[in-house]
Amino acid sequence: MIYSLNGKLLENEPNTAVIECSGVGYKCSVSLKTSAALPKIGENVFLYTYLAIREDAVDLFGFISKDEMKAFKLITSVNGVGPKVGIAILSEFTPDYLYTYIAAGDYKALTTASGVGPKLAQRIVLELKDKIGTLPKEINVSSAFAVTSTTELPQNNLRSAVAALVSLGFLQVEANRAVQNIDPTLSTEDIIKQALSKLSSGKY
């Protein structure tokens, strides 16, 4: 099992990275979020990896963090969620947001990921919802977070924006989804404006 790679980044294309280690180039399938977090070509990079061995293929998957790798292993444990679908899901959601939607039972949110239809999304929620609360502490997202708490959101401005949206009458899950992919460096006011625009259009 190849647990990790530490070497020079040779290529970085959407969903694909090539890392040279001791003269050997390793091609990894990666999420869009990992791809965006990689350094410039030629610079050193470290990725956690997962090797998937099938009868007709051997594929290596790379992850920018241990949390992302653990999330990948968790969701691909669901029947019908193969490695490519797992990468597609992690291209759409960070582990924290993914756990939040699963804990909240919000299967519709998961259908925004490529290759995930309503039936598969429902299966993911059904099979993993009870497991979320038993995850190791470093990747645990309490089911209460999806309903009542904003303390686990990583950026202060996003937390404040979510709290404001909830105070306006929106559901916690709606507020969390609305702020997703909004630049966390924006002011709370600007985040709220963009989130309200998403909520009013239904595109979130």
C-alpha atoms as a PDB file:
ATOM      1  CA  MET A   1       0.000   0.000   0.000  1.00  0.00           C
ATOM      2  CA  ILE A   2       1.336   3.440  -0.957  1.00  0.00           C
ATOM      3  CA  TYR A   3       0.409   5.624   2.036  1.00  0.00           C
ATOM      4  CA  SER A   4       1.822   8.946   0.841  1.00  0.00           C
ATOM      5  CA  LEU A   5       3.960  10.716  -1.765  1.00  0.00           C
ATOM      6  CA  ASN A   6       6.535  13.426  -1.113  1.00  0.00           C
ATOM      7  CA  GLY A   7       8.254  14.867  -4.148  1.00  0.00           C
ATOM      8  CA  LYS A   8       8.249  17.394  -6.990  1.00  0.00           C
ATOM      9  CA  LEU A   9       4.987  18.327  -8.671  1.00  0.00           C
ATOM     10  CA  LEU A  10       5.316  17.619 -12.402  1.00  0.00           C
ATOM     11  CA  GLU A  11       1.724  18.141 -13.553  1.00  0.00           C
ATOM     12  CA  ASN A  12      -1.451  19.585 -12.092  1.00  0.00           C
ATOM     13  CA  GLU A  13      -4.550  19.227 -14.219  1.00  0.00           C
ATOM     14  CA  PRO A  14      -8.187  19.115 -13.042  1.00  0.00           C
ATOM     15  CA  ASN A  15      -8.542  15.883 -11.055  1.00  0.00           C
ATOM     16  CA  THR A  16      -5.001  14.742 -11.939  1.00  0.00           C
ATOM     17  CA  ALA A  17      -1.594  15.367 -10.393  1.00  0.00           C
ATOM     18  CA  VAL A  18       1.778  13.828 -11.194  1.00  0.00           C
ATOM     19  CA  ILE A  19       4.430  13.749  -8.469  1.00  0.00           C
ATOM     20  CA  GLU A  20       8.039  12.695  -9.044  1.00  0.00           C
ATOM     21  CA  CYS A  21       9.551  10.702  -6.207  1.00  0.00           C
ATOM     22  CA  SER A  22      13.115   9.397  -6.609  1.00  0.00           C
ATOM     23  CA  GLY A  23      12.909   9.676 -10.375  1.00  0.00           C
ATOM     24  CA  VAL A  24       9.530   7.966 -10.692  1.00  0.00           C
ATOM     25  CA  GLY A  25       6.421   9.929 -11.656  1.00  0.00           C
ATOM     26  CA  TYR A  26       3.244   8.879  -9.842  1.00  0.00           C
ATOM     27  CA  LYS A  27      -0.064   9.848 -11.442  1.00  0.00           C
ATOM     28  CA  CYS A  28      -2.803  10.480  -8.893  1.00  0.00           C
ATOM     29  CA  SER A  29      -6.480  11.195  -9.258  1.00  0.00           C
ATOM     30  CA  VAL A  30      -7.308  14.127  -6.982  1.00  0.00           C
ATOM     31  CA  SER A  31     -10.326  16.204  -6.058  1.00  0.00           C
ATOM     32  CA  LEU A  32     -10.663  19.705  -7.484  1.00  0.00           C
ATOM     33  CA  LYS A  33     -10.123  21.054  -3.976  1.00  0.00           C
ATOM     34  CA  THR A  34      -6.822  19.197  -3.647  1.00  0.00           C
ATOM     35  CA  SER A  35      -5.804  20.317  -7.131  1.00  0.00           C
ATOM     36  CA  ALA A  36      -6.473  23.942  -6.182  1.00  0.00           C
ATOM     37  CA  ALA A  37      -4.363  23.589  -3.026  1.00  0.00           C
ATOM     38  CA  LEU A  38      -1.273  22.222  -4.775  1.00  0.00           C
ATOM     39  CA  PRO A  39       1.841  24.399  -5.156  1.00  0.00           C
ATOM     40  CA  LYS A  40       3.370  25.592  -8.410  1.00  0.00           C
ATOM     41  CA  ILE A  41       4.772  23.102 -10.914  1.00  0.00           C
ATOM     42  CA  GLY A  42       8.299  22.129  -9.904  1.00  0.00           C
ATOM     43  CA  GLU A  43       7.767  22.739  -6.201  1.00  0.00           C
ATOM     44  CA  ASN A  44       7.730  20.064  -3.520  1.00  0.00           C
ATOM     45  CA  VAL A  45       4.380  18.592  -2.490  1.00  0.00           C
ATOM     46  CA  PHE A  46       3.110  16.019  -0.016  1.00  0.00           C
ATOM     47  CA  LEU A  47      -0.043  13.994  -0.604  1.00  0.00           C
ATOM     48  CA  TYR A  48      -1.699  11.214   1.339  1.00  0.00           C
ATOM     49  CA  THR A  49      -2.669   8.425  -1.036  1.00  0.00           C
ATOM     50  CA  TYR A  50      -5.024   5.509  -1.470  1.00  0.00           C
ATOM     51  CA  LEU A  51      -4.281   2.661  -3.882  1.00  0.00           C
ATOM     52  CA  ALA A  52      -7.349   1.057  -5.476  1.00  0.00           C
ATOM     53  CA  ILE A  53      -6.686  -2.340  -7.020  1.00  0.00           C
ATOM     54  CA  ARG A  54      -9.255  -3.888  -9.346  1.00  0.00           C
ATOM     55  CA  GLU A  55      -9.145  -6.734 -11.845  1.00  0.00           C
ATOM     56  CA  ASP A  56      -8.751  -4.344 -14.777  1.00  0.00           C
ATOM     57  CA  ALA A  57      -6.961  -1.375 -13.227  1.00  0.00           C
ATOM     58  CA  VAL A  58      -4.676  -0.080 -10.492  1.00  0.00           C
ATOM     59  CA  ASP A  59      -5.445   3.535  -9.593  1.00  0.00           C
ATOM     60  CA  LEU A  60      -3.736   5.878  -7.150  1.00  0.00           C
ATOM     61  CA  PHE A  61      -5.721   8.637  -5.455  1.00  0.00           C
ATOM     62  CA  GLY A  62      -4.114  11.627  -3.755  1.00  0.00           C
ATOM     63  CA  PHE A  63      -5.367  13.860  -0.933  1.00  0.00           C
ATOM     64  CA  ILE A  64      -4.105  17.169   0.393  1.00  0.00           C
ATOM     65  CA  SER A  65      -5.017  16.255   3.967  1.00  0.00           C
ATOM     66  CA  LYS A  66      -5.548  13.204   6.120  1.00  0.00           C
ATOM     67  CA  ASP A  67      -9.124  14.397   6.740  1.00  0.00           C
ATOM     68  CA  GLU A  68      -9.863  14.286   3.011  1.00  0.00           C
ATOM     69  CA  MET A  69      -8.380  10.801   2.708  1.00  0.00           C
ATOM     70  CA  LYS A  70     -10.467   9.539   5.638  1.00  0.00           C
ATOM     71  CA  ALA A  71     -13.601  11.094   4.145  1.00  0.00           C
ATOM     72  CA  PHE A  72     -12.824   9.351   0.845  1.00  0.00           C
ATOM     73  CA  LYS A  73     -12.494   5.975   2.568  1.00  0.00           C
ATOM     74  CA  LEU A  74     -15.724   6.569   4.469  1.00  0.00           C
ATOM     75  CA  ILE A  75     -17.912   7.485   1.511  1.00  0.00           C
ATOM     76  CA  THR A  76     -16.454   4.787  -0.765  1.00  0.00           C
ATOM     77  CA  SER A  77     -17.438   2.224   1.859  1.00  0.00           C
ATOM     78  CA  VAL A  78     -21.024   2.823   0.732  1.00  0.00           C
ATOM     79  CA  ASN A  79     -22.280   0.333  -1.829  1.00  0.00           C
ATOM     80  CA  GLY A  80     -22.378   2.008  -5.239  1.00  0.00           C
ATOM     81  CA  VAL A  81     -19.868   4.754  -4.411  1.00  0.00           C
ATOM     82  CA  GLY A  82     -16.726   3.960  -6.363  1.00  0.00           C
ATOM     83  CA  PRO A  83     -13.437   5.875  -6.164  1.00  0.00           C
ATOM     84  CA  LYS A  84     -14.327   8.205  -9.058  1.00  0.00           C
ATOM     85  CA  VAL A  85     -17.634   9.159  -7.466  1.00  0.00           C
ATOM     86  CA  GLY A  86     -15.814   9.606  -4.154  1.00  0.00           C
ATOM     87  CA  ILE A  87     -13.425  12.068  -5.795  1.00  0.00           C
ATOM     88  CA  ALA A  88     -16.363  13.859  -7.426  1.00  0.00           C
ATOM     89  CA  ILE A  89     -18.049  14.268  -4.039  1.00  0.00           C
ATOM     90  CA  LEU A  90     -14.866  15.632  -2.463  1.00  0.00           C
ATOM     91  CA  SER A  91     -14.471  17.987  -5.415  1.00  0.00           C
ATOM     92  CA  GLU A  92     -17.811  19.497  -4.405  1.00  0.00           C
ATOM     93  CA  PHE A  93     -17.549  19.391  -0.592  1.00  0.00           C
ATOM     94  CA  THR A  94     -14.878  19.694   2.062  1.00  0.00           C
ATOM     95  CA  PRO A  95     -15.040  16.861   4.625  1.00  0.00           C
ATOM     96  CA  ASP A  96     -16.661  19.172   7.212  1.00  0.00           C
ATOM     97  CA  TYR A  97     -19.468  20.213   4.872  1.00  0.00           C
ATOM     98  CA  LEU A  98     -19.931  16.633   3.672  1.00  0.00           C
ATOM     99  CA  TYR A  99     -20.342  15.365   7.237  1.00  0.00           C
ATOM    100  CA  THR A 100     -22.690  18.232   8.003  1.00  0.00           C
ATOM    101  CA  TYR A 101     -25.080  17.365   5.184  1.00  0.00           C
ATOM    102  CA  ILE A 102     -24.975  13.650   5.990  1.00  0.00           C
ATOM    103  CA  ALA A 103     -25.612  14.276   9.689  1.00  0.00           C
ATOM    104  CA  ALA A 104     -28.504  16.561   8.792  1.00  0.00           C
ATOM    105  CA  GLY A 105     -29.977  13.977   6.421  1.00  0.00           C
ATOM    106  CA  ASP A 106     -29.750  16.503   3.577  1.00  0.00           C
ATOM    107  CA  TYR A 107     -29.329  14.049   0.692  1.00  0.00           C
ATOM    108  CA  LYS A 108     -30.411  16.670  -1.855  1.00  0.00           C
ATOM    109  CA  ALA A 109     -27.237  18.641  -1.197  1.00  0.00           C
ATOM    110  CA  LEU A 110     -25.148  15.626  -2.179  1.00  0.00           C
ATOM    111  CA  THR A 111     -26.797  15.408  -5.598  1.00  0.00           C
ATOM    112  CA  THR A 112     -24.832  18.492  -6.688  1.00  0.00           C
ATOM    113  CA  ALA A 113     -21.777  16.235  -6.995  1.00  0.00           C
ATOM    114  CA  SER A 114     -21.189  14.667 -10.415  1.00  0.00           C
ATOM    115  CA  GLY A 115     -22.476  11.108 -10.647  1.00  0.00           C
ATOM    116  CA  VAL A 116     -24.608  11.295  -7.505  1.00  0.00           C
ATOM    117  CA  GLY A 117     -28.319  10.891  -8.140  1.00  0.00           C
ATOM    118  CA  PRO A 118     -31.097  11.060  -5.521  1.00  0.00           C
ATOM    119  CA  LYS A 119     -31.130   7.309  -4.851  1.00  0.00           C
ATOM    120  CA  LEU A 120     -27.372   7.114  -4.317  1.00  0.00           C
ATOM    121  CA  ALA A 121     -27.435  10.264  -2.189  1.00  0.00           C
ATOM    122  CA  GLN A 122     -30.155   8.759  -0.006  1.00  0.00           C
ATOM    123  CA  ARG A 123     -28.106   5.570   0.365  1.00  0.00           C
ATOM    124  CA  ILE A 124     -25.043   7.561   1.425  1.00  0.00           C
ATOM    125  CA  VAL A 125     -27.034   9.383   4.089  1.00  0.00           C
ATOM    126  CA  LEU A 126     -28.762   6.205   5.262  1.00  0.00           C
ATOM    127  CA  GLU A 127     -25.541   4.199   5.596  1.00  0.00           C
ATOM    128  CA  LEU A 128     -23.331   6.921   7.051  1.00  0.00           C
ATOM    129  CA  LYS A 129     -25.564   9.120   9.187  1.00  0.00           C
ATOM    130  CA  ASP A 130     -25.129   6.993  12.305  1.00  0.00           C
ATOM    131  CA  LYS A 131     -21.389   6.691  11.700  1.00  0.00           C
ATOM    132  CA  ILE A 132     -20.732  10.439  11.689  1.00  0.00           C
ATOM    133  CA  GLY A 133     -21.015  10.703  15.464  1.00  0.00           C
ATOM    134  CA  THR A 134     -18.517   7.874  15.969  1.00  0.00           C
ATOM    135  CA  LEU A 135     -15.766   9.321  13.769  1.00  0.00           C
ATOM    136  CA  PRO A 136     -12.375  10.051  15.364  1.00  0.00           C
ATOM    137  CA  LYS A 137     -12.315  13.445  17.034  1.00  0.00           C
ATOM    138  CA  GLU A 138     -10.098  15.110  14.443  1.00  0.00           C
ATOM    139  CA  ILE A 139     -12.684  14.552  11.689  1.00  0.00           C
ATOM    140  CA  ASN A 140     -15.875  14.447  13.729  1.00  0.00           C
ATOM    141  CA  VAL A 141     -18.718  16.793  12.964  1.00  0.00           C
ATOM    142  CA  SER A 142     -21.497  16.492  15.501  1.00  0.00           C
ATOM    143  CA  SER A 143     -24.978  16.024  14.140  1.00  0.00           C
ATOM    144  CA  ALA A 144     -25.980  18.942  16.353  1.00  0.00           C
ATOM    145  CA  PHE A 145     -23.787  21.220  14.242  1.00  0.00           C
ATOM    146  CA  ALA A 146     -26.062  20.818  11.236  1.00  0.00           C
ATOM    147  CA  VAL A 147     -29.085  21.884  13.244  1.00  0.00           C
ATOM    148  CA  THR A 148     -28.119  24.273  16.005  1.00  0.00           C
ATOM    149  CA  SER A 149     -24.450  25.212  16.022  1.00  0.00           C
ATOM    150  CA  THR A 150     -22.129  27.284  13.852  1.00  0.00           C
ATOM    151  CA  THR A 151     -19.033  26.840  16.004  1.00  0.00           C
ATOM    152  CA  GLU A 152     -17.415  24.289  13.703  1.00  0.00           C
ATOM    153  CA  LEU A 153     -17.386  26.434  10.582  1.00  0.00           C
ATOM    154  CA  PRO A 154     -13.729  27.240   9.891  1.00  0.00           C
ATOM    155  CA  GLN A 155     -13.900  30.985   9.218  1.00  0.00           C
ATOM    156  CA  ASN A 156     -15.248  33.635  11.590  1.00  0.00           C
ATOM    157  CA  ASN A 157     -16.928  35.662   8.837  1.00  0.00           C
ATOM    158  CA  LEU A 158     -18.733  32.589   7.548  1.00  0.00           C
ATOM    159  CA  ARG A 159     -19.887  31.717  11.062  1.00  0.00           C
ATOM    160  CA  SER A 160     -21.218  35.217  11.581  1.00  0.00           C
ATOM    161  CA  ALA A 161     -22.981  35.168   8.219  1.00  0.00           C
ATOM    162  CA  VAL A 162     -24.630  31.820   8.948  1.00  0.00           C
ATOM    163  CA  ALA A 163     -25.783  33.070  12.348  1.00  0.00           C
ATOM    164  CA  ALA A 164     -27.283  36.164  10.710  1.00  0.00           C
ATOM    165  CA  LEU A 165     -29.099  34.109   8.084  1.00  0.00           C
ATOM    166  CA  VAL A 166     -30.529  31.820  10.745  1.00  0.00           C
ATOM    167  CA  SER A 167     -31.721  34.865  12.696  1.00  0.00           C
ATOM    168  CA  LEU A 168     -33.542  35.966   9.531  1.00  0.00           C
ATOM    169  CA  GLY A 169     -35.508  32.722   9.566  1.00  0.00           C
ATOM    170  CA  PHE A 170     -33.521  30.452   7.276  1.00  0.00           C
ATOM    171  CA  LEU A 171     -32.839  26.876   8.313  1.00  0.00           C
ATOM    172  CA  GLN A 172     -29.309  26.070   9.517  1.00  0.00           C
ATOM    173  CA  VAL A 173     -28.755  23.656   6.640  1.00  0.00           C
ATOM    174  CA  GLU A 174     -29.951  26.261   4.117  1.00  0.00           C
ATOM    175  CA  ALA A 175     -27.602  28.854   5.588  1.00  0.00           C
ATOM    176  CA  ASN A 176     -24.639  26.464   5.551  1.00  0.00           C
ATOM    177  CA  ARG A 177     -25.275  25.571   1.922  1.00  0.00           C
ATOM    178  CA  ALA A 178     -25.726  29.211   0.908  1.00  0.00           C
ATOM    179  CA  VAL A 179     -22.310  30.309   2.212  1.00  0.00           C
ATOM    180  CA  GLN A 180     -20.475  27.365   0.680  1.00  0.00           C
ATOM    181  CA  ASN A 181     -17.892  28.427  -1.936  1.00  0.00           C
ATOM    182  CA  ILE A 182     -18.190  32.106  -0.962  1.00  0.00           C
ATOM    183  CA  ASP A 183     -14.793  33.718  -0.359  1.00  0.00           C
ATOM    184  CA  PRO A 184     -14.305  33.621   3.446  1.00  0.00           C
ATOM    185  CA  THR A 185     -12.041  36.694   3.294  1.00  0.00           C
ATOM    186  CA  LEU A 186     -15.000  38.880   2.332  1.00  0.00           C
ATOM    187  CA  SER A 187     -16.704  40.945   4.990  1.00  0.00           C
ATOM    188  CA  THR A 188     -19.609  39.355   6.824  1.00  0.00           C
ATOM    189  CA  GLU A 189     -21.962  41.836   5.135  1.00  0.00           C
ATOM    190  CA  ASP A 190     -20.762  40.877   1.645  1.00  0.00           C
ATOM    191  CA  ILE A 191     -21.019  37.159   2.457  1.00  0.00           C
ATOM    192  CA  ILE A 192     -24.600  37.683   3.643  1.00  0.00           C
ATOM    193  CA  LYS A 193     -25.466  39.581   0.448  1.00  0.00           C
ATOM    194  CA  GLN A 194     -24.102  36.802  -1.761  1.00  0.00           C
ATOM    195  CA  ALA A 195     -25.789  34.135   0.339  1.00  0.00           C
ATOM    196  CA  LEU A 196     -29.136  35.929   0.179  1.00  0.00           C
ATOM    197  CA  SER A 197     -28.769  36.161  -3.599  1.00  0.00           C
ATOM    198  CA  LYS A 198     -28.246  32.375  -3.748  1.00  0.00           C
ATOM    199  CA  LEU A 199     -31.183  31.709  -1.433  1.00  0.00           C
ATOM    200  CA  SER A 200     -33.511  33.944  -3.406  1.00  0.00           C
ATOM    201  CA  SER A 201     -32.567  32.304  -6.712  1.00  0.00           C
ATOM    202  CA  GLY A 202     -32.548  28.790  -5.326  1.00  0.00           C
ATOM    203  CA  LYS A 203     -29.054  28.235  -6.760  1.00  0.00           C
ATOM    204  CA  TYR A 204     -27.148  26.999  -3.736  1.00  0.00           C
END
